[in-house]
């Protein structure tokens, strides 16, 4: 029904994004993928897409929602079908993207009963703080291992933007649900 391929980061373009792409899209098809599907590099039978279109009203994660409609054996990961896929380091872009991810997490659960495996569902301060610390540690270790020393000082800023923006998106998503039910 569909395939999706590997997404390789452009080395050094955005080291904040690199670990997710490397773990999400391994080079070996036998290794588990961290990404269940991605429409950034995919091939879908036309009839499949026409009968099961993406929900373009979601702010993000429309490909994850689409993927969850199918059995595991209907979607194939093809690491040899590889593309370079990187976004620049623009904190405004990432803040908006993380906020959209938070809103979409609430919407996909409300509309489809799908739990987003990539985003914590709690918008409380404790969860945001835990996500911040874990994110800093993960990125510091990756940056040291890759020699990205010049980016180490901005890790806390990036992680604060990520944690705060996701929490803000989760709160916005919850508020939208409240306003629809009133």
C-alpha atoms as a PDB file:
ATOM      1  CA  UNK A   1       0.000   0.000   0.000  1.00  0.00           C
ATOM      2  CA  UNK A   2       2.808   2.421   0.896  1.00  0.00           C
ATOM      3  CA  UNK A   3       6.518   2.718   1.486  1.00  0.00           C
ATOM      4  CA  UNK A   4       8.611   5.321   3.197  1.00  0.00           C
ATOM      5  CA  UNK A   5      12.308   5.888   2.908  1.00  0.00           C
ATOM      6  CA  UNK A   6      15.232   7.080   4.903  1.00  0.00           C
ATOM      7  CA  UNK A   7      15.735  10.750   5.709  1.00  0.00           C
ATOM      8  CA  UNK A   8      19.365  11.675   6.142  1.00  0.00           C
ATOM      9  CA  UNK A   9      20.343  14.890   7.891  1.00  0.00           C
ATOM     10  CA  UNK A  10      22.724  17.242   6.154  1.00  0.00           C
ATOM     11  CA  UNK A  11      25.710  16.920   8.462  1.00  0.00           C
ATOM     12  CA  UNK A  12      26.076  20.041  10.591  1.00  0.00           C
ATOM     13  CA  UNK A  13      23.153  21.964   9.050  1.00  0.00           C
ATOM     14  CA  UNK A  14      20.991  21.470  12.115  1.00  0.00           C
ATOM     15  CA  UNK A  15      22.590  19.266  14.764  1.00  0.00           C
ATOM     16  CA  UNK A  16      19.450  19.629  16.911  1.00  0.00           C
ATOM     17  CA  UNK A  17      17.536  17.660  14.292  1.00  0.00           C
ATOM     18  CA  UNK A  18      20.219  15.080  13.453  1.00  0.00           C
ATOM     19  CA  UNK A  19      19.725  12.596  16.337  1.00  0.00           C
ATOM     20  CA  UNK A  20      16.016  12.257  15.597  1.00  0.00           C
ATOM     21  CA  UNK A  21      16.618  11.601  11.918  1.00  0.00           C
ATOM     22  CA  UNK A  22      19.407   9.121  12.606  1.00  0.00           C
ATOM     23  CA  UNK A  23      17.351   7.128  15.117  1.00  0.00           C
ATOM     24  CA  UNK A  24      14.098   7.545  13.214  1.00  0.00           C
ATOM     25  CA  UNK A  25      15.461   6.291   9.917  1.00  0.00           C
ATOM     26  CA  UNK A  26      18.196   3.651  10.358  1.00  0.00           C
ATOM     27  CA  UNK A  27      20.299   2.448   7.425  1.00  0.00           C
ATOM     28  CA  UNK A  28      19.425  -1.207   8.033  1.00  0.00           C
ATOM     29  CA  UNK A  29      15.881  -2.320   7.235  1.00  0.00           C
ATOM     30  CA  UNK A  30      16.090  -4.957   9.997  1.00  0.00           C
ATOM     31  CA  UNK A  31      16.657  -2.361  12.719  1.00  0.00           C
ATOM     32  CA  UNK A  32      13.587  -0.855  14.360  1.00  0.00           C
ATOM     33  CA  UNK A  33      12.675   2.576  13.051  1.00  0.00           C
ATOM     34  CA  UNK A  34      11.923   5.459  15.359  1.00  0.00           C
ATOM     35  CA  UNK A  35       9.517   6.841  12.753  1.00  0.00           C
ATOM     36  CA  UNK A  36       6.367   4.864  12.020  1.00  0.00           C
ATOM     37  CA  UNK A  37       5.921   6.686   8.700  1.00  0.00           C
ATOM     38  CA  UNK A  38       6.740   9.991   7.064  1.00  0.00           C
ATOM     39  CA  UNK A  39       5.202  11.690   4.079  1.00  0.00           C
ATOM     40  CA  UNK A  40       8.426  13.654   3.520  1.00  0.00           C
ATOM     41  CA  UNK A  41       9.795  10.647   1.613  1.00  0.00           C
ATOM     42  CA  UNK A  42       7.136   8.135   0.704  1.00  0.00           C
ATOM     43  CA  UNK A  43       5.385   6.364  -2.139  1.00  0.00           C
ATOM     44  CA  UNK A  44       1.705   5.514  -1.857  1.00  0.00           C
ATOM     45  CA  UNK A  45      -0.525   3.728  -4.323  1.00  0.00           C
ATOM     46  CA  UNK A  46      -2.839   6.331  -5.852  1.00  0.00           C
ATOM     47  CA  UNK A  47      -5.972   4.310  -5.125  1.00  0.00           C
ATOM     48  CA  UNK A  48      -4.873   3.920  -1.496  1.00  0.00           C
ATOM     49  CA  UNK A  49      -4.393   7.654  -1.095  1.00  0.00           C
ATOM     50  CA  UNK A  50      -7.670   8.516  -2.830  1.00  0.00           C
ATOM     51  CA  UNK A  51      -9.603   6.143  -0.582  1.00  0.00           C
ATOM     52  CA  UNK A  52      -7.631   7.159   2.541  1.00  0.00           C
ATOM     53  CA  UNK A  53      -6.559  10.810   2.212  1.00  0.00           C
ATOM     54  CA  UNK A  54      -4.434  12.653   4.734  1.00  0.00           C
ATOM     55  CA  UNK A  55      -6.343  14.791   7.240  1.00  0.00           C
ATOM     56  CA  UNK A  56      -5.018  18.160   6.132  1.00  0.00           C
ATOM     57  CA  UNK A  57      -6.965  19.953   8.875  1.00  0.00           C
ATOM     58  CA  UNK A  58      -4.456  18.720  11.469  1.00  0.00           C
ATOM     59  CA  UNK A  59      -1.701  21.217  12.236  1.00  0.00           C
ATOM     60  CA  UNK A  60       0.890  18.416  11.961  1.00  0.00           C
ATOM     61  CA  UNK A  61       1.207  14.626  12.308  1.00  0.00           C
ATOM     62  CA  UNK A  62      -1.249  14.036   9.477  1.00  0.00           C
ATOM     63  CA  UNK A  63       1.102  11.329   8.205  1.00  0.00           C
ATOM     64  CA  UNK A  64       1.115   9.556  11.582  1.00  0.00           C
ATOM     65  CA  UNK A  65      -2.699   9.594  11.719  1.00  0.00           C
ATOM     66  CA  UNK A  66      -2.812   8.286   8.151  1.00  0.00           C
ATOM     67  CA  UNK A  67      -0.318   5.519   8.971  1.00  0.00           C
ATOM     68  CA  UNK A  68      -2.351   4.294  11.932  1.00  0.00           C
ATOM     69  CA  UNK A  69      -5.184   3.290   9.579  1.00  0.00           C
ATOM     70  CA  UNK A  70      -3.084   0.406   8.248  1.00  0.00           C
ATOM     71  CA  UNK A  71      -1.572  -2.834   9.510  1.00  0.00           C
ATOM     72  CA  UNK A  72       2.197  -2.945  10.010  1.00  0.00           C
ATOM     73  CA  UNK A  73       2.720  -5.241   7.024  1.00  0.00           C
ATOM     74  CA  UNK A  74       0.934  -2.792   4.702  1.00  0.00           C
ATOM     75  CA  UNK A  75       3.599  -0.107   5.189  1.00  0.00           C
ATOM     76  CA  UNK A  76       7.197  -0.899   4.283  1.00  0.00           C
ATOM     77  CA  UNK A  77      10.315   0.982   5.349  1.00  0.00           C
ATOM     78  CA  UNK A  78      12.872   1.160   2.523  1.00  0.00           C
ATOM     79  CA  UNK A  79      16.150   2.635   3.810  1.00  0.00           C
ATOM     80  CA  UNK A  80      17.748   2.476   0.366  1.00  0.00           C
ATOM     81  CA  UNK A  81      15.225   5.081  -0.819  1.00  0.00           C
ATOM     82  CA  UNK A  82      17.075   7.887   0.910  1.00  0.00           C
ATOM     83  CA  UNK A  83      16.779  11.664   0.725  1.00  0.00           C
ATOM     84  CA  UNK A  84      18.514  14.497   2.514  1.00  0.00           C
ATOM     85  CA  UNK A  85      16.042  16.250   4.788  1.00  0.00           C
ATOM     86  CA  UNK A  86      17.075  19.024   7.143  1.00  0.00           C
ATOM     87  CA  UNK A  87      15.562  22.223   8.473  1.00  0.00           C
ATOM     88  CA  UNK A  88      17.723  25.182   9.402  1.00  0.00           C
ATOM     89  CA  UNK A  89      18.263  26.433  12.925  1.00  0.00           C
ATOM     90  CA  UNK A  90      15.565  29.074  13.210  1.00  0.00           C
ATOM     91  CA  UNK A  91      14.111  29.250  16.697  1.00  0.00           C
ATOM     92  CA  UNK A  92      10.923  30.988  15.553  1.00  0.00           C
ATOM     93  CA  UNK A  93      10.278  28.169  13.057  1.00  0.00           C
ATOM     94  CA  UNK A  94      10.935  25.479  15.687  1.00  0.00           C
ATOM     95  CA  UNK A  95       8.765  27.198  18.308  1.00  0.00           C
ATOM     96  CA  UNK A  96       5.828  27.304  15.865  1.00  0.00           C
ATOM     97  CA  UNK A  97       6.448  23.733  14.748  1.00  0.00           C
ATOM     98  CA  UNK A  98       6.600  22.352  18.297  1.00  0.00           C
ATOM     99  CA  UNK A  99       3.447  24.262  19.221  1.00  0.00           C
ATOM    100  CA  UNK A 100       1.638  22.838  16.171  1.00  0.00           C
ATOM    101  CA  UNK A 101       2.806  19.370  17.234  1.00  0.00           C
ATOM    102  CA  UNK A 102       1.255  19.920  20.668  1.00  0.00           C
ATOM    103  CA  UNK A 103      -2.072  21.057  19.210  1.00  0.00           C
ATOM    104  CA  UNK A 104      -2.089  18.119  16.763  1.00  0.00           C
ATOM    105  CA  UNK A 105      -1.375  15.678  19.605  1.00  0.00           C
ATOM    106  CA  UNK A 106      -4.586  16.711  21.354  1.00  0.00           C
ATOM    107  CA  UNK A 107      -6.600  16.768  18.118  1.00  0.00           C
ATOM    108  CA  UNK A 108      -5.472  13.336  16.929  1.00  0.00           C
ATOM    109  CA  UNK A 109      -6.401  11.848  20.280  1.00  0.00           C
ATOM    110  CA  UNK A 110      -9.791  13.580  20.301  1.00  0.00           C
ATOM    111  CA  UNK A 111     -10.710  12.815  16.681  1.00  0.00           C
ATOM    112  CA  UNK A 112      -9.126   9.423  16.179  1.00  0.00           C
ATOM    113  CA  UNK A 113      -8.229   8.051  19.619  1.00  0.00           C
ATOM    114  CA  UNK A 114      -4.573   7.973  18.557  1.00  0.00           C
ATOM    115  CA  UNK A 115      -1.906   8.658  21.151  1.00  0.00           C
ATOM    116  CA  UNK A 116       1.050  10.528  19.643  1.00  0.00           C
ATOM    117  CA  UNK A 117       4.092   8.425  20.602  1.00  0.00           C
ATOM    118  CA  UNK A 118       6.488  11.330  19.992  1.00  0.00           C
ATOM    119  CA  UNK A 119       4.955  14.007  22.227  1.00  0.00           C
ATOM    120  CA  UNK A 120       4.200  13.852  25.977  1.00  0.00           C
ATOM    121  CA  UNK A 121       0.515  14.507  26.547  1.00  0.00           C
ATOM    122  CA  UNK A 122       0.848  16.478  29.744  1.00  0.00           C
ATOM    123  CA  UNK A 123       1.192  20.251  29.665  1.00  0.00           C
ATOM    124  CA  UNK A 124       2.101  20.608  33.335  1.00  0.00           C
ATOM    125  CA  UNK A 125       5.276  22.300  34.535  1.00  0.00           C
ATOM    126  CA  UNK A 126       6.744  19.099  35.989  1.00  0.00           C
ATOM    127  CA  UNK A 127       6.524  17.232  32.674  1.00  0.00           C
ATOM    128  CA  UNK A 128       7.935  20.208  30.783  1.00  0.00           C
ATOM    129  CA  UNK A 129      10.855  20.384  33.238  1.00  0.00           C
ATOM    130  CA  UNK A 130      11.571  16.657  32.890  1.00  0.00           C
ATOM    131  CA  UNK A 131      11.426  16.935  29.092  1.00  0.00           C
ATOM    132  CA  UNK A 132      13.776  19.924  29.241  1.00  0.00           C
ATOM    133  CA  UNK A 133      16.414  18.118  31.343  1.00  0.00           C
ATOM    134  CA  UNK A 134      16.210  14.888  29.321  1.00  0.00           C
ATOM    135  CA  UNK A 135      16.445  16.839  26.060  1.00  0.00           C
ATOM    136  CA  UNK A 136      19.487  18.784  27.245  1.00  0.00           C
ATOM    137  CA  UNK A 137      21.294  15.631  28.326  1.00  0.00           C
ATOM    138  CA  UNK A 138      20.477  13.820  25.087  1.00  0.00           C
ATOM    139  CA  UNK A 139      21.648  16.710  22.902  1.00  0.00           C
ATOM    140  CA  UNK A 140      24.800  17.420  24.931  1.00  0.00           C
ATOM    141  CA  UNK A 141      25.866  13.794  24.632  1.00  0.00           C
ATOM    142  CA  UNK A 142      25.151  13.764  20.907  1.00  0.00           C
ATOM    143  CA  UNK A 143      26.947  17.079  20.299  1.00  0.00           C
ATOM    144  CA  UNK A 144      30.045  15.935  22.176  1.00  0.00           C
ATOM    145  CA  UNK A 145      30.098  12.622  20.283  1.00  0.00           C
ATOM    146  CA  UNK A 146      29.805  14.435  16.936  1.00  0.00           C
ATOM    147  CA  UNK A 147      32.161  17.300  17.741  1.00  0.00           C
ATOM    148  CA  UNK A 148      29.447  19.978  17.615  1.00  0.00           C
ATOM    149  CA  UNK A 149      31.024  21.881  20.490  1.00  0.00           C
ATOM    150  CA  UNK A 150      29.984  25.343  19.280  1.00  0.00           C
ATOM    151  CA  UNK A 151      26.298  24.395  19.634  1.00  0.00           C
ATOM    152  CA  UNK A 152      26.566  23.153  23.222  1.00  0.00           C
ATOM    153  CA  UNK A 153      25.911  26.591  24.814  1.00  0.00           C
ATOM    154  CA  UNK A 154      22.566  27.003  23.005  1.00  0.00           C
ATOM    155  CA  UNK A 155      21.212  23.564  23.966  1.00  0.00           C
ATOM    156  CA  UNK A 156      19.313  24.889  27.033  1.00  0.00           C
ATOM    157  CA  UNK A 157      17.734  27.644  24.930  1.00  0.00           C
ATOM    158  CA  UNK A 158      16.620  25.196  22.217  1.00  0.00           C
ATOM    159  CA  UNK A 159      15.257  22.737  24.781  1.00  0.00           C
ATOM    160  CA  UNK A 160      13.411  25.517  26.620  1.00  0.00           C
ATOM    161  CA  UNK A 161      11.815  26.580  23.335  1.00  0.00           C
ATOM    162  CA  UNK A 162      10.878  22.954  22.611  1.00  0.00           C
ATOM    163  CA  UNK A 163       9.416  22.165  26.042  1.00  0.00           C
ATOM    164  CA  UNK A 164       7.594  25.487  26.373  1.00  0.00           C
ATOM    165  CA  UNK A 165       6.206  25.394  22.824  1.00  0.00           C
ATOM    166  CA  UNK A 166       4.946  21.822  23.085  1.00  0.00           C
ATOM    167  CA  UNK A 167       3.305  22.584  26.447  1.00  0.00           C
ATOM    168  CA  UNK A 168       1.750  25.709  24.948  1.00  0.00           C
ATOM    169  CA  UNK A 169       0.410  23.682  22.010  1.00  0.00           C
ATOM    170  CA  UNK A 170      -1.033  21.044  24.331  1.00  0.00           C
ATOM    171  CA  UNK A 171      -2.775  23.772  26.352  1.00  0.00           C
ATOM    172  CA  UNK A 172      -4.099  25.389  23.132  1.00  0.00           C
ATOM    173  CA  UNK A 173      -5.392  22.029  21.943  1.00  0.00           C
ATOM    174  CA  UNK A 174      -7.155  21.440  25.266  1.00  0.00           C
ATOM    175  CA  UNK A 175      -8.622  24.955  25.172  1.00  0.00           C
ATOM    176  CA  UNK A 176      -9.987  24.325  21.668  1.00  0.00           C
ATOM    177  CA  UNK A 177     -11.693  21.171  22.897  1.00  0.00           C
ATOM    178  CA  UNK A 178     -13.185  23.103  25.834  1.00  0.00           C
ATOM    179  CA  UNK A 179     -14.476  25.859  23.543  1.00  0.00           C
ATOM    180  CA  UNK A 180     -16.083  23.289  21.185  1.00  0.00           C
ATOM    181  CA  UNK A 181     -17.840  21.524  24.051  1.00  0.00           C
ATOM    182  CA  UNK A 182     -19.259  24.708  25.590  1.00  0.00           C
END
